Each structure stands twice: as structure tokens, then as C-alpha cells.
Amino acid sequence: MTQISGLVITLNEAHNIVDCLRSMKTVCDDIVVVDSGSSDGTVELARQEGATVIVQVPFLGDGPQRSHGLPYCRHAWVLNLDADERLEQDLIDYISRTDLDSLGVDLVETRRRNYIGQRFTPYAGQYPDYVKRLFNRLKADFTPVTAHTYIQASSFIRINAHIIHYSYRDYPDMVVKCKYAGWLARNLADSNKPLHVWQPVAHGTWAFIRHYFVKAGFLAGLDGLTLSICKGLGSYLKYANAIEIRRSRAAKQQ
């Protein structure tokens, strides 16, 4: 088995961090937690679990915050999880029996099972949800974006083993997480893409249609409907917020 470092970024994740770290410890003998100012005991809990905790305030953005933790990792191979993610047994077995260096790639992409509460949600585009989580930090890194970063690597393989993702605790939590649209809006506002007033409605409507009808969210009952509505709302807010950001910038330049 290849030696692996674990990496997690946190902010007030006391309800998640212990289970996350214990899951990672099944394959990692070194874990780094980069915290952005938790006030709920996350840092203390992480240290009790044996993690190296780095406090980085202010939050640098999703990609830069994770990259900030990489130099503290002891090993070349890094397993990057969010605090609400866990390893499923098939992924633990794969990592335990595999010499990662012999694969000839810089990244291993896995499947992810997404949950609402304790309910697995296979519809509305939620499965298979391929994610980039296991990589060689000497040859790959996170994209420097404020939200929804991913790992850039020159070569990868995709395996069928799984990560468990407790995406939302309940429906109110699903709505609250639409706040991430603000981070995505900044990425969009910083790009060279043209923005128009009709785009929030158009993209929001299409996001709902895509998740509910095209990706069969209707087969998941109320879970699928609520998830599709929130996907539409998130897309609407992403474009609306991006337009607002550009307007504010233009006003300051006058």
C-alpha cells in the first residue's frame, strides 16, 4: 500500500470532522486540516484525532485554501476529502491493495454516492458522480478558483470504487447551500464571458429542467423535485450575482 496524506479544509465542521478523519485514517497515516476560523470546536476535535491543523484566515478560496495545505503533507500521494465525505469500503480495499506509483498516472478519479440525510439519491444527476480526490501532489494541483475547484493532472484513471457524500442534512440545508452560488458568481464575473439580464432566468430554468426531466429527478419523488428546484435557484443566483458584481465594479470606475 502506498503511503498517503489526507487533506481536509474546514469551517465549523464539528458535526462532521471526527467521522471524516476516522474514515481517512483507514488509508492515511498523515492528515492535514486547513481551518478558516472555526468557532465550534472543529480545530480541537481534529487535533484530538491526530491531525495536523493549519489555521488560515482569511479563507483564500476553495482552490487556494486547499493548495495552502499541500506543503504540510508528508507524502506525495494525497487524499483530499470534504468534511462531509467518507470512504466506502470498496475504495478502502482498492487503496489498500494498490501501489499507486505503479499506475503510471497522477490522479485517481472515483465515483461518489450523494445523500440527503440518510437517503441515497441516485437520480437528478447525483450518480454516478465522478470526483477527483486522490492525486500525486508533486505532479498535480488544485485550480486556483474560489469555488468548486478541481485537480488539474496530466493523466488519470477512473475507478468504480466510491466516496460517500452527505451532501445535505435536510431540505433547509439544501437551500442554505445555495450560498455557494456567490462564490461561483465571482468566478463568472472575473471571466471574459459576456453577461446579459436574461441569463439568470434562462440558466435557472434550464438547470431545473435538466436535473428534473433529463437526469430523471422525477424518479426520486420529493427529494428529486426539491433538489432540482435548488439546482435551478443556484444557477439563477450564480448569474444574477455575477451581473450585480460587474455592475458594482463598473460603478466604482466612474
C-alpha atoms as a PDB file:
ATOM      1  CA  MET A   1       0.000   0.000   0.000  1.00  0.00           C
ATOM      2  CA  THR A   2       1.260   3.467  -0.932  1.00  0.00           C
ATOM      3  CA  GLN A   3       1.741   5.959   1.890  1.00  0.00           C
ATOM      4  CA  ILE A   4      -0.933   8.652   1.636  1.00  0.00           C
ATOM      5  CA  SER A   5      -1.538  12.015   3.299  1.00  0.00           C
ATOM      6  CA  GLY A   6      -5.076  13.202   3.921  1.00  0.00           C
ATOM      7  CA  LEU A   7      -6.199  16.790   3.332  1.00  0.00           C
ATOM      8  CA  VAL A   8      -9.408  18.484   4.522  1.00  0.00           C
ATOM      9  CA  ILE A   9     -10.466  22.139   4.627  1.00  0.00           C
ATOM     10  CA  THR A  10     -12.906  23.137   7.361  1.00  0.00           C
ATOM     11  CA  LEU A  11     -15.069  25.889   8.771  1.00  0.00           C
ATOM     12  CA  ASN A  12     -17.340  24.953  11.692  1.00  0.00           C
ATOM     13  CA  GLU A  13     -17.458  21.246  10.840  1.00  0.00           C
ATOM     14  CA  ALA A  14     -17.614  19.849  14.385  1.00  0.00           C
ATOM     15  CA  HIS A  15     -20.601  17.694  13.389  1.00  0.00           C
ATOM     16  CA  ASN A  16     -18.590  16.084  10.556  1.00  0.00           C
ATOM     17  CA  ILE A  17     -14.880  16.223  11.224  1.00  0.00           C
ATOM     18  CA  VAL A  18     -14.428  13.238  13.569  1.00  0.00           C
ATOM     19  CA  ASP A  19     -16.184  10.756  11.268  1.00  0.00           C
ATOM     20  CA  CYS A  20     -14.363  12.196   8.260  1.00  0.00           C
ATOM     21  CA  LEU A  21     -10.921  11.878   9.839  1.00  0.00           C
ATOM     22  CA  ARG A  22     -11.586   8.383  11.172  1.00  0.00           C
ATOM     23  CA  SER A  23     -12.610   7.336   7.687  1.00  0.00           C
ATOM     24  CA  MET A  24      -9.435   8.831   6.220  1.00  0.00           C
ATOM     25  CA  LYS A  25      -7.268   7.115   8.838  1.00  0.00           C
ATOM     26  CA  THR A  26      -8.167   3.747   7.314  1.00  0.00           C
ATOM     27  CA  VAL A  27      -5.775   4.597   4.457  1.00  0.00           C
ATOM     28  CA  CYS A  28      -3.833   7.709   5.596  1.00  0.00           C
ATOM     29  CA  ASP A  29      -1.059   7.837   8.212  1.00  0.00           C
ATOM     30  CA  ASP A  30      -0.786  11.630   7.915  1.00  0.00           C
ATOM     31  CA  ILE A  31      -3.706  14.088   7.832  1.00  0.00           C
ATOM     32  CA  VAL A  32      -3.629  17.861   7.392  1.00  0.00           C
ATOM     33  CA  VAL A  33      -6.651  20.027   8.228  1.00  0.00           C
ATOM     34  CA  VAL A  34      -6.697  23.617   6.942  1.00  0.00           C
ATOM     35  CA  ASP A  35      -9.206  25.567   9.025  1.00  0.00           C
ATOM     36  CA  SER A  36     -10.513  29.044   8.205  1.00  0.00           C
ATOM     37  CA  GLY A  37     -11.554  30.202  11.666  1.00  0.00           C
ATOM     38  CA  SER A  38     -13.925  27.649  13.182  1.00  0.00           C
ATOM     39  CA  SER A  39     -15.643  28.607  16.431  1.00  0.00           C
ATOM     40  CA  ASP A  40     -17.431  25.316  17.171  1.00  0.00           C
ATOM     41  CA  GLY A  41     -14.542  23.132  18.339  1.00  0.00           C
ATOM     42  CA  THR A  42     -13.574  21.766  14.924  1.00  0.00           C
ATOM     43  CA  VAL A  43      -9.879  22.522  15.453  1.00  0.00           C
ATOM     44  CA  GLU A  44      -9.758  20.855  18.870  1.00  0.00           C
ATOM     45  CA  LEU A  45     -11.574  17.755  17.600  1.00  0.00           C
ATOM     46  CA  ALA A  46      -9.230  17.468  14.617  1.00  0.00           C
ATOM     47  CA  ARG A  47      -6.173  17.676  16.851  1.00  0.00           C
ATOM     48  CA  GLN A  48      -7.626  15.043  19.173  1.00  0.00           C
ATOM     49  CA  GLU A  49      -7.863  12.750  16.140  1.00  0.00           C
ATOM     50  CA  GLY A  50      -4.162  13.291  15.454  1.00  0.00           C
ATOM     51  CA  ALA A  51      -4.442  15.669  12.512  1.00  0.00           C
ATOM     52  CA  THR A  52      -2.011  18.496  11.840  1.00  0.00           C
ATOM     53  CA  VAL A  53      -4.153  21.647  11.914  1.00  0.00           C
ATOM     54  CA  ILE A  54      -3.187  24.748   9.953  1.00  0.00           C
ATOM     55  CA  VAL A  55      -5.311  27.843  10.603  1.00  0.00           C
ATOM     56  CA  GLN A  56      -5.576  30.043   7.532  1.00  0.00           C
ATOM     57  CA  VAL A  57      -7.657  33.199   7.968  1.00  0.00           C
ATOM     58  CA  PRO A  58      -8.966  34.776   5.836  1.00  0.00           C
ATOM     59  CA  PHE A  59     -10.301  31.990   3.652  1.00  0.00           C
ATOM     60  CA  LEU A  60      -8.319  32.077   0.412  1.00  0.00           C
ATOM     61  CA  GLY A  61     -10.973  30.485  -1.774  1.00  0.00           C
ATOM     62  CA  ASP A  62     -11.657  26.806  -2.420  1.00  0.00           C
ATOM     63  CA  GLY A  63      -8.649  26.054  -4.617  1.00  0.00           C
ATOM     64  CA  PRO A  64      -6.027  28.274  -2.936  1.00  0.00           C
ATOM     65  CA  GLN A  65      -7.097  27.153   0.569  1.00  0.00           C
ATOM     66  CA  ARG A  66      -6.545  23.509  -0.343  1.00  0.00           C
ATOM     67  CA  SER A  67      -3.267  24.259  -2.128  1.00  0.00           C
ATOM     68  CA  HIS A  68      -2.125  26.061   1.028  1.00  0.00           C
ATOM     69  CA  GLY A  69      -2.241  22.741   2.872  1.00  0.00           C
ATOM     70  CA  LEU A  70      -0.240  20.693   0.366  1.00  0.00           C
ATOM     71  CA  PRO A  71       3.272  21.676   1.572  1.00  0.00           C
ATOM     72  CA  TYR A  72       2.338  20.376   5.037  1.00  0.00           C
ATOM     73  CA  CYS A  73       1.544  16.899   3.653  1.00  0.00           C
ATOM     74  CA  ARG A  74       4.343  14.402   4.267  1.00  0.00           C
ATOM     75  CA  HIS A  75       3.645  12.112   1.324  1.00  0.00           C
ATOM     76  CA  ALA A  76       3.457  12.610  -2.437  1.00  0.00           C
ATOM     77  CA  TRP A  77       0.040  10.985  -2.761  1.00  0.00           C
ATOM     78  CA  VAL A  78      -2.802  12.962  -1.204  1.00  0.00           C
ATOM     79  CA  LEU A  79      -6.410  12.028  -0.500  1.00  0.00           C
ATOM     80  CA  ASN A  80      -8.493  15.209  -0.490  1.00  0.00           C
ATOM     81  CA  LEU A  81     -11.940  14.975   1.096  1.00  0.00           C
ATOM     82  CA  ASP A  82     -14.564  17.466   2.165  1.00  0.00           C
ATOM     83  CA  ALA A  83     -15.614  17.174   5.803  1.00  0.00           C
ATOM     84  CA  ASP A  84     -18.985  15.711   4.786  1.00  0.00           C
ATOM     85  CA  GLU A  85     -17.374  12.878   2.803  1.00  0.00           C
ATOM     86  CA  ARG A  86     -16.377   9.355   3.862  1.00  0.00           C
ATOM     87  CA  LEU A  87     -14.634   6.416   2.202  1.00  0.00           C
ATOM     88  CA  GLU A  88     -16.783   3.458   1.236  1.00  0.00           C
ATOM     89  CA  GLN A  89     -15.312   0.021   1.886  1.00  0.00           C
ATOM     90  CA  ASP A  90     -14.678  -0.680  -1.812  1.00  0.00           C
ATOM     91  CA  LEU A  91     -12.411   2.383  -2.026  1.00  0.00           C
ATOM     92  CA  ILE A  92     -10.602   1.446   1.189  1.00  0.00           C
ATOM     93  CA  ASP A  93      -9.972  -2.015  -0.295  1.00  0.00           C
ATOM     94  CA  TYR A  94      -8.741  -0.557  -3.597  1.00  0.00           C
ATOM     95  CA  ILE A  95      -6.288   1.836  -1.949  1.00  0.00           C
ATOM     96  CA  SER A  96      -5.059  -0.820   0.494  1.00  0.00           C
ATOM     97  CA  ARG A  97      -4.111  -3.271  -2.245  1.00  0.00           C
ATOM     98  CA  THR A  98      -2.814  -0.820  -4.878  1.00  0.00           C
ATOM     99  CA  ASP A  99       0.681   0.525  -5.458  1.00  0.00           C
ATOM    100  CA  LEU A 100      -0.396   3.944  -6.723  1.00  0.00           C
ATOM    101  CA  ASP A 101       3.033   4.746  -8.176  1.00  0.00           C
ATOM    102  CA  SER A 102       2.789   1.707 -10.447  1.00  0.00           C
ATOM    103  CA  LEU A 103      -0.406   3.005 -12.085  1.00  0.00           C
ATOM    104  CA  GLY A 104       1.517   5.462 -14.252  1.00  0.00           C
ATOM    105  CA  VAL A 105      -0.979   8.276 -13.621  1.00  0.00           C
ATOM    106  CA  ASP A 106      -1.123  11.398 -11.464  1.00  0.00           C
ATOM    107  CA  LEU A 107      -4.774  11.158 -10.406  1.00  0.00           C
ATOM    108  CA  VAL A 108      -7.354   8.540  -9.476  1.00  0.00           C
ATOM    109  CA  GLU A 109     -10.985   9.512 -10.091  1.00  0.00           C
ATOM    110  CA  THR A 110     -13.703   7.757  -8.079  1.00  0.00           C
ATOM    111  CA  ARG A 111     -17.467   7.548  -8.008  1.00  0.00           C
ATOM    112  CA  ARG A 112     -19.422   9.360  -5.303  1.00  0.00           C
ATOM    113  CA  ARG A 113     -22.746   8.457  -3.705  1.00  0.00           C
ATOM    114  CA  ASN A 114     -24.686  11.571  -2.674  1.00  0.00           C
ATOM    115  CA  TYR A 115     -27.102  11.541   0.253  1.00  0.00           C
ATOM    116  CA  ILE A 116     -29.899  13.768   1.526  1.00  0.00           C
ATOM    117  CA  GLY A 117     -29.925  12.951   5.221  1.00  0.00           C
ATOM    118  CA  GLN A 118     -29.507   9.164   5.221  1.00  0.00           C
ATOM    119  CA  ARG A 119     -31.187   8.717   1.825  1.00  0.00           C
ATOM    120  CA  PHE A 120     -29.021   7.789  -1.154  1.00  0.00           C
ATOM    121  CA  THR A 121     -30.061   9.868  -4.175  1.00  0.00           C
ATOM    122  CA  PRO A 122     -29.216   8.126  -7.484  1.00  0.00           C
ATOM    123  CA  TYR A 123     -31.265  10.461  -9.694  1.00  0.00           C
ATOM    124  CA  ALA A 124     -31.182  14.140 -10.748  1.00  0.00           C
ATOM    125  CA  GLY A 125     -27.588  13.774 -11.891  1.00  0.00           C
ATOM    126  CA  GLN A 126     -26.407  12.631  -8.471  1.00  0.00           C
ATOM    127  CA  TYR A 127     -24.987   9.251  -9.524  1.00  0.00           C
ATOM    128  CA  PRO A 128     -22.559   8.254 -10.810  1.00  0.00           C
ATOM    129  CA  ASP A 129     -20.908  11.473  -9.699  1.00  0.00           C
ATOM    130  CA  TYR A 130     -17.228  11.208 -10.609  1.00  0.00           C
ATOM    131  CA  VAL A 131     -14.851  13.214  -8.420  1.00  0.00           C
ATOM    132  CA  LYS A 132     -11.103  13.811  -8.374  1.00  0.00           C
ATOM    133  CA  ARG A 133      -9.884  13.121  -4.848  1.00  0.00           C
ATOM    134  CA  LEU A 134      -6.696  11.017  -4.895  1.00  0.00           C
ATOM    135  CA  PHE A 135      -3.632  12.529  -6.582  1.00  0.00           C
ATOM    136  CA  ASN A 136       0.131  12.967  -6.614  1.00  0.00           C
ATOM    137  CA  ARG A 137       0.753  16.479  -5.277  1.00  0.00           C
ATOM    138  CA  LEU A 138       4.192  16.613  -6.927  1.00  0.00           C
ATOM    139  CA  LYS A 139       2.571  16.398 -10.359  1.00  0.00           C
ATOM    140  CA  ALA A 140      -0.931  17.844  -9.892  1.00  0.00           C
ATOM    141  CA  ASP A 141      -2.617  20.711  -8.054  1.00  0.00           C
ATOM    142  CA  PHE A 142      -5.956  22.411  -7.453  1.00  0.00           C
ATOM    143  CA  THR A 143      -7.277  25.010  -9.865  1.00  0.00           C
ATOM    144  CA  PRO A 144      -6.948  28.495  -8.269  1.00  0.00           C
ATOM    145  CA  VAL A 145     -10.670  29.306  -8.161  1.00  0.00           C
ATOM    146  CA  THR A 146     -12.797  30.480  -5.241  1.00  0.00           C
ATOM    147  CA  ALA A 147     -15.473  27.778  -5.581  1.00  0.00           C
ATOM    148  CA  HIS A 148     -15.753  24.238  -6.943  1.00  0.00           C
ATOM    149  CA  THR A 149     -12.062  23.711  -7.542  1.00  0.00           C
ATOM    150  CA  TYR A 150     -10.853  20.536  -9.173  1.00  0.00           C
ATOM    151  CA  ILE A 151      -7.479  18.859  -9.537  1.00  0.00           C
ATOM    152  CA  GLN A 152      -5.504  19.507 -12.700  1.00  0.00           C
ATOM    153  CA  ALA A 153      -3.467  16.488 -13.737  1.00  0.00           C
ATOM    154  CA  SER A 154      -1.881  15.328 -16.975  1.00  0.00           C
ATOM    155  CA  SER A 155      -3.072  11.736 -16.615  1.00  0.00           C
ATOM    156  CA  PHE A 156      -5.699   9.869 -14.612  1.00  0.00           C
ATOM    157  CA  ILE A 157      -7.667   6.664 -14.318  1.00  0.00           C
ATOM    158  CA  ARG A 158     -11.306   6.262 -13.359  1.00  0.00           C
ATOM    159  CA  ILE A 159     -12.313   3.505 -10.955  1.00  0.00           C
ATOM    160  CA  ASN A 160     -15.701   2.264  -9.769  1.00  0.00           C
ATOM    161  CA  ALA A 161     -14.949   2.480  -6.042  1.00  0.00           C
ATOM    162  CA  HIS A 162     -16.911   5.029  -4.022  1.00  0.00           C
ATOM    163  CA  ILE A 163     -16.815   8.032  -1.752  1.00  0.00           C
ATOM    164  CA  ILE A 164     -19.909   8.681   0.367  1.00  0.00           C
ATOM    165  CA  HIS A 165     -21.066  12.296   0.361  1.00  0.00           C
ATOM    166  CA  TYR A 166     -23.577  13.515   2.927  1.00  0.00           C
ATOM    167  CA  SER A 167     -24.479  16.427   0.664  1.00  0.00           C
ATOM    168  CA  TYR A 168     -27.376  17.846   2.660  1.00  0.00           C
ATOM    169  CA  ARG A 169     -28.593  17.184   6.182  1.00  0.00           C
ATOM    170  CA  ASP A 170     -32.168  18.080   5.194  1.00  0.00           C
ATOM    171  CA  TYR A 171     -34.127  20.327   2.816  1.00  0.00           C
ATOM    172  CA  PRO A 172     -33.361  23.592   4.671  1.00  0.00           C
ATOM    173  CA  ASP A 173     -29.656  22.739   4.474  1.00  0.00           C
ATOM    174  CA  MET A 174     -30.074  22.259   0.733  1.00  0.00           C
ATOM    175  CA  VAL A 175     -31.456  25.793   0.391  1.00  0.00           C
ATOM    176  CA  VAL A 176     -28.764  27.280   2.636  1.00  0.00           C
ATOM    177  CA  LYS A 177     -26.057  25.789   0.427  1.00  0.00           C
ATOM    178  CA  CYS A 178     -27.307  27.881  -2.470  1.00  0.00           C
ATOM    179  CA  LYS A 179     -24.992  30.484  -0.880  1.00  0.00           C
ATOM    180  CA  TYR A 180     -22.156  28.829  -2.785  1.00  0.00           C
ATOM    181  CA  ALA A 181     -23.628  30.491  -5.861  1.00  0.00           C
ATOM    182  CA  GLY A 182     -21.985  33.665  -4.575  1.00  0.00           C
ATOM    183  CA  TRP A 183     -18.529  32.103  -4.909  1.00  0.00           C
ATOM    184  CA  LEU A 184     -19.325  30.751  -8.367  1.00  0.00           C
ATOM    185  CA  ALA A 185     -20.633  34.191  -9.320  1.00  0.00           C
ATOM    186  CA  ARG A 186     -17.262  35.728  -8.550  1.00  0.00           C
ATOM    187  CA  ASN A 187     -15.557  33.207 -10.820  1.00  0.00           C
ATOM    188  CA  LEU A 188     -18.032  34.060 -13.575  1.00  0.00           C
ATOM    189  CA  ALA A 189     -17.715  37.810 -13.048  1.00  0.00           C
ATOM    190  CA  ASP A 190     -13.925  37.528 -13.266  1.00  0.00           C
ATOM    191  CA  SER A 191     -14.119  35.683 -16.580  1.00  0.00           C
ATOM    192  CA  ASN A 192     -14.344  37.278 -20.013  1.00  0.00           C
ATOM    193  CA  LYS A 193     -17.751  35.777 -20.703  1.00  0.00           C
ATOM    194  CA  PRO A 194     -20.472  38.275 -21.685  1.00  0.00           C
ATOM    195  CA  LEU A 195     -23.366  38.566 -19.226  1.00  0.00           C
ATOM    196  CA  HIS A 196     -26.942  39.557 -20.071  1.00  0.00           C
ATOM    197  CA  VAL A 197     -30.033  40.223 -17.960  1.00  0.00           C
ATOM    198  CA  TRP A 198     -31.906  37.270 -19.470  1.00  0.00           C
ATOM    199  CA  GLN A 199     -29.270  34.735 -18.415  1.00  0.00           C
ATOM    200  CA  PRO A 200     -30.301  34.216 -14.764  1.00  0.00           C
ATOM    201  CA  VAL A 201     -33.814  33.120 -15.761  1.00  0.00           C
ATOM    202  CA  ALA A 202     -32.639  31.111 -18.776  1.00  0.00           C
ATOM    203  CA  HIS A 203     -29.901  29.242 -16.939  1.00  0.00           C
ATOM    204  CA  GLY A 204     -32.004  28.758 -13.817  1.00  0.00           C
ATOM    205  CA  THR A 205     -34.906  27.318 -15.811  1.00  0.00           C
ATOM    206  CA  TRP A 206     -32.646  25.041 -17.828  1.00  0.00           C
ATOM    207  CA  ALA A 207     -30.878  23.785 -14.690  1.00  0.00           C
ATOM    208  CA  PHE A 208     -34.241  22.747 -13.234  1.00  0.00           C
ATOM    209  CA  ILE A 209     -35.337  21.061 -16.484  1.00  0.00           C
ATOM    210  CA  ARG A 210     -32.007  19.272 -16.867  1.00  0.00           C
ATOM    211  CA  HIS A 211     -31.996  17.833 -13.348  1.00  0.00           C
ATOM    212  CA  TYR A 212     -35.710  17.058 -13.037  1.00  0.00           C
ATOM    213  CA  PHE A 213     -36.502  15.738 -16.516  1.00  0.00           C
ATOM    214  CA  VAL A 214     -33.291  14.978 -18.432  1.00  0.00           C
ATOM    215  CA  LYS A 215     -31.484  13.479 -15.421  1.00  0.00           C
ATOM    216  CA  ALA A 216     -34.638  11.800 -14.102  1.00  0.00           C
ATOM    217  CA  GLY A 217     -35.030  13.712 -10.859  1.00  0.00           C
ATOM    218  CA  PHE A 218     -38.762  12.984 -11.079  1.00  0.00           C
ATOM    219  CA  LEU A 219     -37.978   9.351 -10.218  1.00  0.00           C
ATOM    220  CA  ALA A 220     -36.723  10.446  -6.788  1.00  0.00           C
ATOM    221  CA  GLY A 221     -40.048  11.897  -5.646  1.00  0.00           C
ATOM    222  CA  LEU A 222     -39.881  14.895  -3.324  1.00  0.00           C
ATOM    223  CA  ASP A 223     -36.098  14.551  -2.992  1.00  0.00           C
ATOM    224  CA  GLY A 224     -35.670  14.869  -6.750  1.00  0.00           C
ATOM    225  CA  LEU A 225     -38.078  17.792  -7.029  1.00  0.00           C
ATOM    226  CA  THR A 226     -36.512  19.734  -4.164  1.00  0.00           C
ATOM    227  CA  LEU A 227     -33.004  19.060  -5.424  1.00  0.00           C
ATOM    228  CA  SER A 228     -33.919  20.174  -8.959  1.00  0.00           C
ATOM    229  CA  ILE A 229     -35.529  23.370  -7.663  1.00  0.00           C
ATOM    230  CA  CYS A 230     -32.403  24.165  -5.655  1.00  0.00           C
ATOM    231  CA  LYS A 231     -30.181  23.467  -8.653  1.00  0.00           C
ATOM    232  CA  GLY A 232     -32.284  25.922 -10.643  1.00  0.00           C
ATOM    233  CA  LEU A 233     -32.141  28.511  -7.870  1.00  0.00           C
ATOM    234  CA  GLY A 234     -28.388  28.111  -7.535  1.00  0.00           C
ATOM    235  CA  SER A 235     -27.881  28.634 -11.260  1.00  0.00           C
ATOM    236  CA  TYR A 236     -30.171  31.681 -11.230  1.00  0.00           C
ATOM    237  CA  LEU A 237     -28.265  33.230  -8.311  1.00  0.00           C
ATOM    238  CA  LYS A 238     -24.906  32.493  -9.914  1.00  0.00           C
ATOM    239  CA  TYR A 239     -25.730  34.591 -12.973  1.00  0.00           C
ATOM    240  CA  ALA A 240     -27.710  37.250 -11.118  1.00  0.00           C
ATOM    241  CA  ASN A 241     -24.899  37.758  -8.602  1.00  0.00           C
ATOM    242  CA  ALA A 242     -22.275  37.859 -11.358  1.00  0.00           C
ATOM    243  CA  ILE A 243     -24.197  40.625 -13.138  1.00  0.00           C
ATOM    244  CA  GLU A 244     -24.507  42.525  -9.862  1.00  0.00           C
ATOM    245  CA  ILE A 245     -20.754  42.212  -9.217  1.00  0.00           C
ATOM    246  CA  ARG A 246     -19.894  43.588 -12.643  1.00  0.00           C
ATOM    247  CA  ARG A 247     -22.332  46.461 -12.226  1.00  0.00           C
ATOM    248  CA  SER A 248     -20.777  47.354  -8.878  1.00  0.00           C
ATOM    249  CA  ARG A 249     -17.301  47.287 -10.369  1.00  0.00           C
ATOM    250  CA  ALA A 250     -18.383  49.481 -13.270  1.00  0.00           C
ATOM    251  CA  ALA A 251     -19.983  51.991 -10.889  1.00  0.00           C
ATOM    252  CA  LYS A 252     -16.766  52.260  -8.866  1.00  0.00           C
ATOM    253  CA  GLN A 253     -14.780  53.035 -12.010  1.00  0.00           C
ATOM    254  CA  GLN A 254     -16.976  56.004 -12.919  1.00  0.00           C
END
